[in-house]
Amino acid sequence: MLLALRQSERLTAWNALTPGKRRGLIAPIEAAARPETRAKRIAALLRAL
């Protein structure tokens, strides 16, 4: 996840979020059972930032 944030240059936006907001955004990614689903959710998160 951190690597994806760095590569997309969205790390500054991520760091501006509160810890609670970060946890809320990470929870669905961690809950994904398949790597494909995880990748889709990370991509969606990066677009949203």
PDB file of N, CA and C in Angstrom:
ATOM      1  N   MET A   1       0.825  -1.177   0.000  1.00  0.00           N
ATOM      2  CA  MET A   1       0.000   0.000   0.000  1.00  0.00           C
ATOM      3  C   MET A   1       0.873   1.245   0.000  1.00  0.00           C
ATOM      4  N   LEU A   2       1.878   1.274   0.860  1.00  0.00           N
ATOM      5  CA  LEU A   2       2.775   2.426   0.924  1.00  0.00           C
ATOM      6  C   LEU A   2       3.501   2.616  -0.395  1.00  0.00           C
ATOM      7  N   LEU A   3       3.911   1.534  -1.009  1.00  0.00           N
ATOM      8  CA  LEU A   3       4.590   1.615  -2.301  1.00  0.00           C
ATOM      9  C   LEU A   3       3.662   2.215  -3.355  1.00  0.00           C
ATOM     10  N   ALA A   4       2.404   1.798  -3.361  1.00  0.00           N
ATOM     11  CA  ALA A   4       1.435   2.342  -4.317  1.00  0.00           C
ATOM     12  C   ALA A   4       1.228   3.835  -4.083  1.00  0.00           C
ATOM     13  N   LEU A   5       1.183   4.248  -2.827  1.00  0.00           N
ATOM     14  CA  LEU A   5       1.026   5.674  -2.518  1.00  0.00           C
ATOM     15  C   LEU A   5       2.231   6.464  -3.006  1.00  0.00           C
ATOM     16  N   ARG A   6       3.410   5.940  -2.782  1.00  0.00           N
ATOM     17  CA  ARG A   6       4.631   6.629  -3.224  1.00  0.00           C
ATOM     18  C   ARG A   6       4.694   6.722  -4.738  1.00  0.00           C
ATOM     19  N   GLN A   7       4.378   5.645  -5.420  1.00  0.00           N
ATOM     20  CA  GLN A   7       4.455   5.621  -6.877  1.00  0.00           C
ATOM     21  C   GLN A   7       3.424   6.544  -7.511  1.00  0.00           C
ATOM     22  N   SER A   8       2.287   6.720  -6.880  1.00  0.00           N
ATOM     23  CA  SER A   8       1.239   7.569  -7.445  1.00  0.00           C
ATOM     24  C   SER A   8       1.356   9.015  -6.977  1.00  0.00           C
ATOM     25  N   GLU A   9       2.339   9.309  -6.166  1.00  0.00           N
ATOM     26  CA  GLU A   9       2.564  10.656  -5.629  1.00  0.00           C
ATOM     27  C   GLU A   9       1.372  11.151  -4.809  1.00  0.00           C
ATOM     28  N   ARG A  10       0.693  10.249  -4.151  1.00  0.00           N
ATOM     29  CA  ARG A  10      -0.454  10.605  -3.307  1.00  0.00           C
ATOM     30  C   ARG A  10      -0.113  10.505  -1.820  1.00  0.00           C
ATOM     31  N   LEU A  11       1.152  10.309  -1.519  1.00  0.00           N
ATOM     32  CA  LEU A  11       1.573  10.136  -0.132  1.00  0.00           C
ATOM     33  C   LEU A  11       1.272  11.381   0.704  1.00  0.00           C
ATOM     34  N   THR A  12       1.409  12.559   0.136  1.00  0.00           N
ATOM     35  CA  THR A  12       1.113  13.794   0.860  1.00  0.00           C
ATOM     36  C   THR A  12      -0.360  13.845   1.257  1.00  0.00           C
ATOM     37  N   ALA A  13      -1.232  13.474   0.327  1.00  0.00           N
ATOM     38  CA  ALA A  13      -2.676  13.457   0.626  1.00  0.00           C
ATOM     39  C   ALA A  13      -2.974  12.427   1.711  1.00  0.00           C
ATOM     40  N   TRP A  14      -2.326  11.279   1.643  1.00  0.00           N
ATOM     41  CA  TRP A  14      -2.519  10.235   2.646  1.00  0.00           C
ATOM     42  C   TRP A  14      -2.089  10.725   4.021  1.00  0.00           C
ATOM     43  N   ASN A  15      -0.932  11.364   4.082  1.00  0.00           N
ATOM     44  CA  ASN A  15      -0.406  11.853   5.354  1.00  0.00           C
ATOM     45  C   ASN A  15      -1.275  12.956   5.957  1.00  0.00           C
ATOM     46  N   ALA A  16      -2.054  13.628   5.133  1.00  0.00           N
ATOM     47  CA  ALA A  16      -2.934  14.688   5.624  1.00  0.00           C
ATOM     48  C   ALA A  16      -4.188  14.128   6.303  1.00  0.00           C
ATOM     49  N   LEU A  17      -4.484  12.847   6.074  1.00  0.00           N
ATOM     50  CA  LEU A  17      -5.664  12.225   6.676  1.00  0.00           C
ATOM     51  C   LEU A  17      -5.423  11.935   8.152  1.00  0.00           C
ATOM     52  N   THR A  18      -6.500  11.939   8.912  1.00  0.00           N
ATOM     53  CA  THR A  18      -6.398  11.582  10.326  1.00  0.00           C
ATOM     54  C   THR A  18      -6.174  10.068  10.438  1.00  0.00           C
ATOM     55  N   PRO A  19      -5.598   9.615  11.534  1.00  0.00           N
ATOM     56  CA  PRO A  19      -5.387   8.165  11.704  1.00  0.00           C
ATOM     57  C   PRO A  19      -6.679   7.356  11.601  1.00  0.00           C
ATOM     58  N   GLY A  20      -7.761   7.889  12.128  1.00  0.00           N
ATOM     59  CA  GLY A  20      -9.039   7.185  12.055  1.00  0.00           C
ATOM     60  C   GLY A  20      -9.542   7.044  10.633  1.00  0.00           C
ATOM     61  N   LYS A  21      -9.376   8.085   9.839  1.00  0.00           N
ATOM     62  CA  LYS A  21      -9.782   8.041   8.433  1.00  0.00           C
ATOM     63  C   LYS A  21      -8.928   7.034   7.677  1.00  0.00           C
ATOM     64  N   ARG A  22      -7.637   7.001   7.970  1.00  0.00           N
ATOM     65  CA  ARG A  22      -6.739   6.038   7.322  1.00  0.00           C
ATOM     66  C   ARG A  22      -7.174   4.607   7.633  1.00  0.00           C
ATOM     67  N   ARG A  23      -7.468   4.341   8.915  1.00  0.00           N
ATOM     68  CA  ARG A  23      -7.917   2.995   9.306  1.00  0.00           C
ATOM     69  C   ARG A  23      -9.191   2.617   8.556  1.00  0.00           C
ATOM     70  N   GLY A  24     -10.106   3.582   8.443  1.00  0.00           N
ATOM     71  CA  GLY A  24     -11.358   3.326   7.738  1.00  0.00           C
ATOM     72  C   GLY A  24     -11.156   3.021   6.264  1.00  0.00           C
ATOM     73  N   LEU A  25     -10.166   3.620   5.667  1.00  0.00           N
ATOM     74  CA  LEU A  25      -9.887   3.373   4.257  1.00  0.00           C
ATOM     75  C   LEU A  25      -9.115   2.069   4.043  1.00  0.00           C
ATOM     76  N   ILE A  26      -8.326   1.681   5.018  1.00  0.00           N
ATOM     77  CA  ILE A  26      -7.528   0.461   4.902  1.00  0.00           C
ATOM     78  C   ILE A  26      -8.352  -0.786   5.201  1.00  0.00           C
ATOM     79  N   ALA A  27      -9.346  -0.684   6.060  1.00  0.00           N
ATOM     80  CA  ALA A  27     -10.123  -1.856   6.494  1.00  0.00           C
ATOM     81  C   ALA A  27     -10.686  -2.671   5.325  1.00  0.00           C
ATOM     82  N   PRO A  28     -11.339  -2.055   4.341  1.00  0.00           N
ATOM     83  CA  PRO A  28     -11.871  -2.873   3.234  1.00  0.00           C
ATOM     84  C   PRO A  28     -10.766  -3.540   2.409  1.00  0.00           C
ATOM     85  N   ILE A  29      -9.616  -2.899   2.332  1.00  0.00           N
ATOM     86  CA  ILE A  29      -8.503  -3.488   1.586  1.00  0.00           C
ATOM     87  C   ILE A  29      -7.999  -4.728   2.308  1.00  0.00           C
ATOM     88  N   GLU A  30      -7.835  -4.629   3.610  1.00  0.00           N
ATOM     89  CA  GLU A  30      -7.367  -5.774   4.390  1.00  0.00           C
ATOM     90  C   GLU A  30      -8.388  -6.898   4.445  1.00  0.00           C
ATOM     91  N   ALA A  31      -9.658  -6.570   4.317  1.00  0.00           N
ATOM     92  CA  ALA A  31     -10.709  -7.576   4.393  1.00  0.00           C
ATOM     93  C   ALA A  31     -10.839  -8.389   3.101  1.00  0.00           C
ATOM     94  N   ALA A  32     -10.236  -7.916   2.032  1.00  0.00           N
ATOM     95  CA  ALA A  32     -10.331  -8.619   0.748  1.00  0.00           C
ATOM     96  C   ALA A  32      -9.602  -9.956   0.834  1.00  0.00           C
ATOM     97  N   ALA A  33     -10.255 -10.997   0.377  1.00  0.00           N
ATOM     98  CA  ALA A  33      -9.665 -12.335   0.441  1.00  0.00           C
ATOM     99  C   ALA A  33      -8.736 -12.601  -0.740  1.00  0.00           C
ATOM    100  N   ARG A  34      -9.086 -12.062  -1.906  1.00  0.00           N
ATOM    101  CA  ARG A  34      -8.292 -12.332  -3.104  1.00  0.00           C
ATOM    102  C   ARG A  34      -7.359 -11.170  -3.416  1.00  0.00           C
ATOM    103  N   PRO A  35      -6.167 -11.452  -3.879  1.00  0.00           N
ATOM    104  CA  PRO A  35      -5.228 -10.386  -4.245  1.00  0.00           C
ATOM    105  C   PRO A  35      -5.786  -9.453  -5.323  1.00  0.00           C
ATOM    106  N   GLU A  36      -6.590 -10.002  -6.239  1.00  0.00           N
ATOM    107  CA  GLU A  36      -7.176  -9.176  -7.292  1.00  0.00           C
ATOM    108  C   GLU A  36      -8.114  -8.130  -6.706  1.00  0.00           C
ATOM    109  N   THR A  37      -8.909  -8.550  -5.737  1.00  0.00           N
ATOM    110  CA  THR A  37      -9.838  -7.631  -5.082  1.00  0.00           C
ATOM    111  C   THR A  37      -9.067  -6.565  -4.321  1.00  0.00           C
ATOM    112  N   ARG A  38      -8.024  -6.981  -3.645  1.00  0.00           N
ATOM    113  CA  ARG A  38      -7.178  -6.047  -2.901  1.00  0.00           C
ATOM    114  C   ARG A  38      -6.598  -4.991  -3.843  1.00  0.00           C
ATOM    115  N   ALA A  39      -6.113  -5.433  -4.990  1.00  0.00           N
ATOM    116  CA  ALA A  39      -5.523  -4.513  -5.968  1.00  0.00           C
ATOM    117  C   ALA A  39      -6.564  -3.524  -6.487  1.00  0.00           C
ATOM    118  N   LYS A  40      -7.775  -3.995  -6.742  1.00  0.00           N
ATOM    119  CA  LYS A  40      -8.846  -3.107  -7.209  1.00  0.00           C
ATOM    120  C   LYS A  40      -9.194  -2.068  -6.152  1.00  0.00           C
ATOM    121  N   ARG A  41      -9.229  -2.488  -4.899  1.00  0.00           N
ATOM    122  CA  ARG A  41      -9.571  -1.556  -3.826  1.00  0.00           C
ATOM    123  C   ARG A  41      -8.465  -0.529  -3.601  1.00  0.00           C
ATOM    124  N   ILE A  42      -7.219  -0.947  -3.745  1.00  0.00           N
ATOM    125  CA  ILE A  42      -6.109   0.001  -3.631  1.00  0.00           C
ATOM    126  C   ILE A  42      -6.184   1.019  -4.765  1.00  0.00           C
ATOM    127  N   ALA A  43      -6.460   0.551  -5.975  1.00  0.00           N
ATOM    128  CA  ALA A  43      -6.592   1.457  -7.118  1.00  0.00           C
ATOM    129  C   ALA A  43      -7.722   2.468  -6.893  1.00  0.00           C
ATOM    130  N   ALA A  44      -8.829   2.001  -6.350  1.00  0.00           N
ATOM    131  CA  ALA A  44      -9.960   2.892  -6.084  1.00  0.00           C
ATOM    132  C   ALA A  44      -9.585   3.931  -5.011  1.00  0.00           C
ATOM    133  N   LEU A  45      -8.847   3.496  -4.004  1.00  0.00           N
ATOM    134  CA  LEU A  45      -8.404   4.410  -2.957  1.00  0.00           C
ATOM    135  C   LEU A  45      -7.490   5.479  -3.540  1.00  0.00           C
ATOM    136  N   LEU A  46      -6.572   5.088  -4.389  1.00  0.00           N
ATOM    137  CA  LEU A  46      -5.658   6.057  -4.995  1.00  0.00           C
ATOM    138  C   LEU A  46      -6.412   7.063  -5.866  1.00  0.00           C
ATOM    139  N   ARG A  47      -7.419   6.605  -6.582  1.00  0.00           N
ATOM    140  CA  ARG A  47      -8.222   7.533  -7.391  1.00  0.00           C
ATOM    141  C   ARG A  47      -8.979   8.518  -6.495  1.00  0.00           C
ATOM    142  N   ALA A  48      -9.437   8.050  -5.347  1.00  0.00           N
ATOM    143  CA  ALA A  48     -10.230   8.885  -4.444  1.00  0.00           C
ATOM    144  C   ALA A  48      -9.387   9.959  -3.757  1.00  0.00           C
ATOM    145  N   LEU A  49      -8.100   9.680  -3.590  1.00  0.00           N
ATOM    146  CA  LEU A  49      -7.230  10.670  -2.940  1.00  0.00           C
ATOM    147  C   LEU A  49      -6.929  11.735  -3.940  1.00  0.00           C
TER     148      LEU A  49
END
